[in-house]
């Protein structure tokens, strides 16, 4: 039974852990260690050759993790900017719509009062409201027909 000890004592296990604390992803903690087994002589001769490829692969994995986190953050910022732009455009459109409705209401009031030229002047420009250009042109034509 004692004859087995020298066999076990001649074998070594070397554990290599690749660590990079600049990577913000917690997945880096799940990367397993590199285990090398062999005699001291074998490990001494082939240690660097044995760990070169796994270390390069792990370094590439960490670089990809970091790049992913940066791009994810950039996408989040871009998304927020896009939301802000959409809200701003909707607010501007709403404000323009209110101005359009107010001008058209004023034109109706002036028409009722018999002030057709003033009503025609209050009808907004079709260039400012291209989505309503047919309504605007029709309204201006209708008021023009009532000029004295």
Protein backbone atom coordinates (compact mmCIF):
# COMPACT_ATOMS: atom_id res chain seq x y z
CA UNK A 1 0.00 0.00 0.00
CA UNK A 2 2.85 2.42 0.64
CA UNK A 3 4.15 1.74 -2.83
CA UNK A 4 1.36 3.85 -4.32
CA UNK A 5 2.38 7.03 -2.53
CA UNK A 6 5.42 7.73 -4.68
CA UNK A 7 3.19 7.44 -7.76
CA UNK A 8 0.75 10.02 -6.37
CA UNK A 9 3.49 12.24 -5.03
CA UNK A 10 5.14 12.51 -8.46
CA UNK A 11 1.96 13.87 -10.08
CA UNK A 12 1.05 17.54 -9.83
CA UNK A 13 -2.13 19.42 -10.59
CA UNK A 14 -1.71 23.06 -11.53
CA UNK A 15 -4.72 25.34 -11.60
CA UNK A 16 -4.59 28.53 -13.70
CA UNK A 17 -7.31 31.15 -13.30
CA UNK A 18 -7.56 33.89 -15.90
CA UNK A 19 -8.73 37.04 -14.15
CA UNK A 20 -9.65 40.44 -15.55
CA UNK A 21 -11.41 42.77 -13.14
CA UNK A 22 -12.02 45.44 -15.79
CA UNK A 23 -14.81 43.33 -17.29
CA UNK A 24 -18.09 44.44 -15.74
CA UNK A 25 -20.03 41.28 -16.59
CA UNK A 26 -20.42 38.89 -13.67
CA UNK A 27 -20.27 36.00 -16.14
CA UNK A 28 -16.48 36.37 -15.96
CA UNK A 29 -16.65 34.69 -12.55
CA UNK A 30 -18.11 31.56 -14.14
CA UNK A 31 -15.16 30.92 -16.45
CA UNK A 32 -13.58 27.70 -15.19
CA UNK A 33 -9.95 27.39 -14.20
CA UNK A 34 -7.47 25.68 -16.49
CA UNK A 35 -6.27 22.43 -14.90
CA UNK A 36 -2.99 20.84 -15.92
CA UNK A 37 -1.93 17.44 -14.60
CA UNK A 38 1.40 15.75 -14.91
CA UNK A 39 4.79 15.27 -13.41
CA UNK A 40 6.86 18.26 -12.46
CA UNK A 41 9.17 17.58 -15.38
CA UNK A 42 6.33 17.40 -17.94
CA UNK A 43 4.65 20.49 -16.58
CA UNK A 44 7.95 22.37 -16.57
CA UNK A 45 8.61 21.55 -20.22
CA UNK A 46 5.14 22.14 -21.63
CA UNK A 47 3.41 24.54 -19.26
CA UNK A 48 3.34 27.63 -21.49
CA UNK A 49 2.49 25.67 -24.63
CA UNK A 50 -0.39 24.02 -22.75
CA UNK A 51 -1.94 27.25 -21.46
CA UNK A 52 -1.34 29.55 -24.49
CA UNK A 53 -4.49 28.61 -26.44
CA UNK A 54 -6.90 28.45 -23.45
CA UNK A 55 -5.60 31.81 -22.18
CA UNK A 56 -6.06 33.40 -25.62
CA UNK A 57 -9.58 31.99 -25.88
CA UNK A 58 -10.46 33.26 -22.41
CA UNK A 59 -8.99 36.69 -23.12
CA UNK A 60 -11.09 36.88 -26.32
CA UNK A 61 -14.17 35.83 -24.38
CA UNK A 62 -13.57 38.58 -21.80
CA UNK A 63 -13.04 41.15 -24.58
CA UNK A 64 -16.34 40.08 -26.16
CA UNK A 65 -18.10 40.38 -22.79
CA UNK A 66 -16.81 43.91 -22.31
CA UNK A 67 -17.70 44.92 -25.88
CA UNK A 68 -21.19 43.50 -25.41
CA UNK A 69 -21.70 45.53 -22.23
CA UNK A 70 -20.53 48.73 -23.94
CA UNK A 71 -22.81 48.19 -26.93
CA UNK A 72 -25.72 47.33 -24.63
CA UNK A 73 -25.22 50.59 -22.73
CA UNK A 74 -24.93 52.50 -26.01
CA UNK A 75 -28.18 50.95 -27.23
CA UNK A 76 -29.87 51.93 -23.98
CA UNK A 77 -28.71 55.54 -24.35
CA UNK A 78 -29.72 55.61 -28.03
CA UNK A 79 -33.10 54.17 -27.17
CA UNK A 80 -33.67 56.88 -24.55
CA UNK A 81 -32.61 59.55 -27.04
CA UNK A 82 -35.02 58.10 -29.60
CA UNK A 83 -37.86 58.12 -27.05
CA UNK A 84 -37.05 61.73 -26.17
CA UNK A 85 -37.04 62.71 -29.86
CA UNK A 86 -40.38 61.00 -30.44
CA UNK A 87 -41.91 62.74 -27.43
CA UNK A 88 -40.54 66.08 -28.61
CA UNK A 89 -41.92 65.56 -32.13
CA UNK A 90 -45.31 64.53 -30.76
CA UNK A 91 -45.40 67.62 -28.55
CA UNK A 92 -44.50 69.88 -31.49
CA UNK A 93 -47.11 68.18 -33.68
CA UNK A 94 -49.72 68.58 -30.95
CA UNK A 95 -48.86 72.26 -30.62
CA UNK A 96 -49.11 72.75 -34.40
CA UNK A 97 -52.45 70.95 -34.42
CA UNK A 98 -53.75 73.28 -31.70
CA UNK A 99 -52.62 76.32 -33.69
CA UNK A 100 -54.31 74.93 -36.82
CA UNK A 101 -57.58 74.27 -35.02
CA UNK A 102 -57.51 77.72 -33.39
CA UNK A 103 -56.91 79.45 -36.74
CA UNK A 104 -59.69 77.48 -38.44
CA UNK A 105 -62.08 78.29 -35.57
CA UNK A 106 -61.24 81.99 -35.84
CA UNK A 107 -61.87 81.83 -39.61
CA UNK A 108 -65.33 80.32 -38.96
CA UNK A 109 -66.13 83.08 -36.46
CA UNK A 110 -65.10 85.79 -38.93
CA UNK A 111 -67.10 84.12 -41.71
CA UNK A 112 -70.20 84.08 -39.52
CA UNK A 113 -69.62 87.79 -38.86
CA UNK A 114 -69.52 88.36 -42.63
CA UNK A 115 -65.83 89.29 -42.68
CA UNK A 116 -64.83 86.98 -45.52
CA UNK A 117 -61.48 88.59 -46.40
CA UNK A 118 -60.36 88.54 -42.75
CA UNK A 119 -61.55 84.94 -42.44
CA UNK A 120 -59.56 84.05 -45.59
CA UNK A 121 -56.48 85.65 -44.01
CA UNK A 122 -56.92 83.61 -40.80
CA UNK A 123 -56.99 80.28 -42.63
CA UNK A 124 -53.46 78.88 -42.07
CA UNK A 125 -50.95 78.28 -44.83
CA UNK A 126 -51.03 74.86 -46.47
CA UNK A 127 -47.21 74.81 -46.38
CA UNK A 128 -47.30 74.77 -42.57
CA UNK A 129 -49.90 72.00 -42.46
CA UNK A 130 -49.25 69.73 -45.46
CA UNK A 131 -51.45 66.96 -44.03
CA UNK A 132 -54.41 69.39 -44.19
CA UNK A 133 -53.54 71.11 -47.46
CA UNK A 134 -56.68 69.96 -49.31
CA UNK A 135 -58.93 71.20 -46.51
CA UNK A 136 -57.06 74.51 -46.38
CA UNK A 137 -57.23 75.03 -50.16
CA UNK A 138 -60.93 74.17 -50.20
CA UNK A 139 -61.63 76.53 -47.30
CA UNK A 140 -59.75 79.41 -48.94
CA UNK A 141 -61.60 78.81 -52.23
CA UNK A 142 -64.91 78.75 -50.40
CA UNK A 143 -64.14 82.05 -48.65
CA UNK A 144 -62.80 83.65 -51.87
CA UNK A 145 -66.11 82.94 -53.58
CA UNK A 146 -67.85 85.02 -50.92
CA UNK A 147 -65.72 88.14 -51.44
CA UNK A 148 -67.82 91.19 -52.43
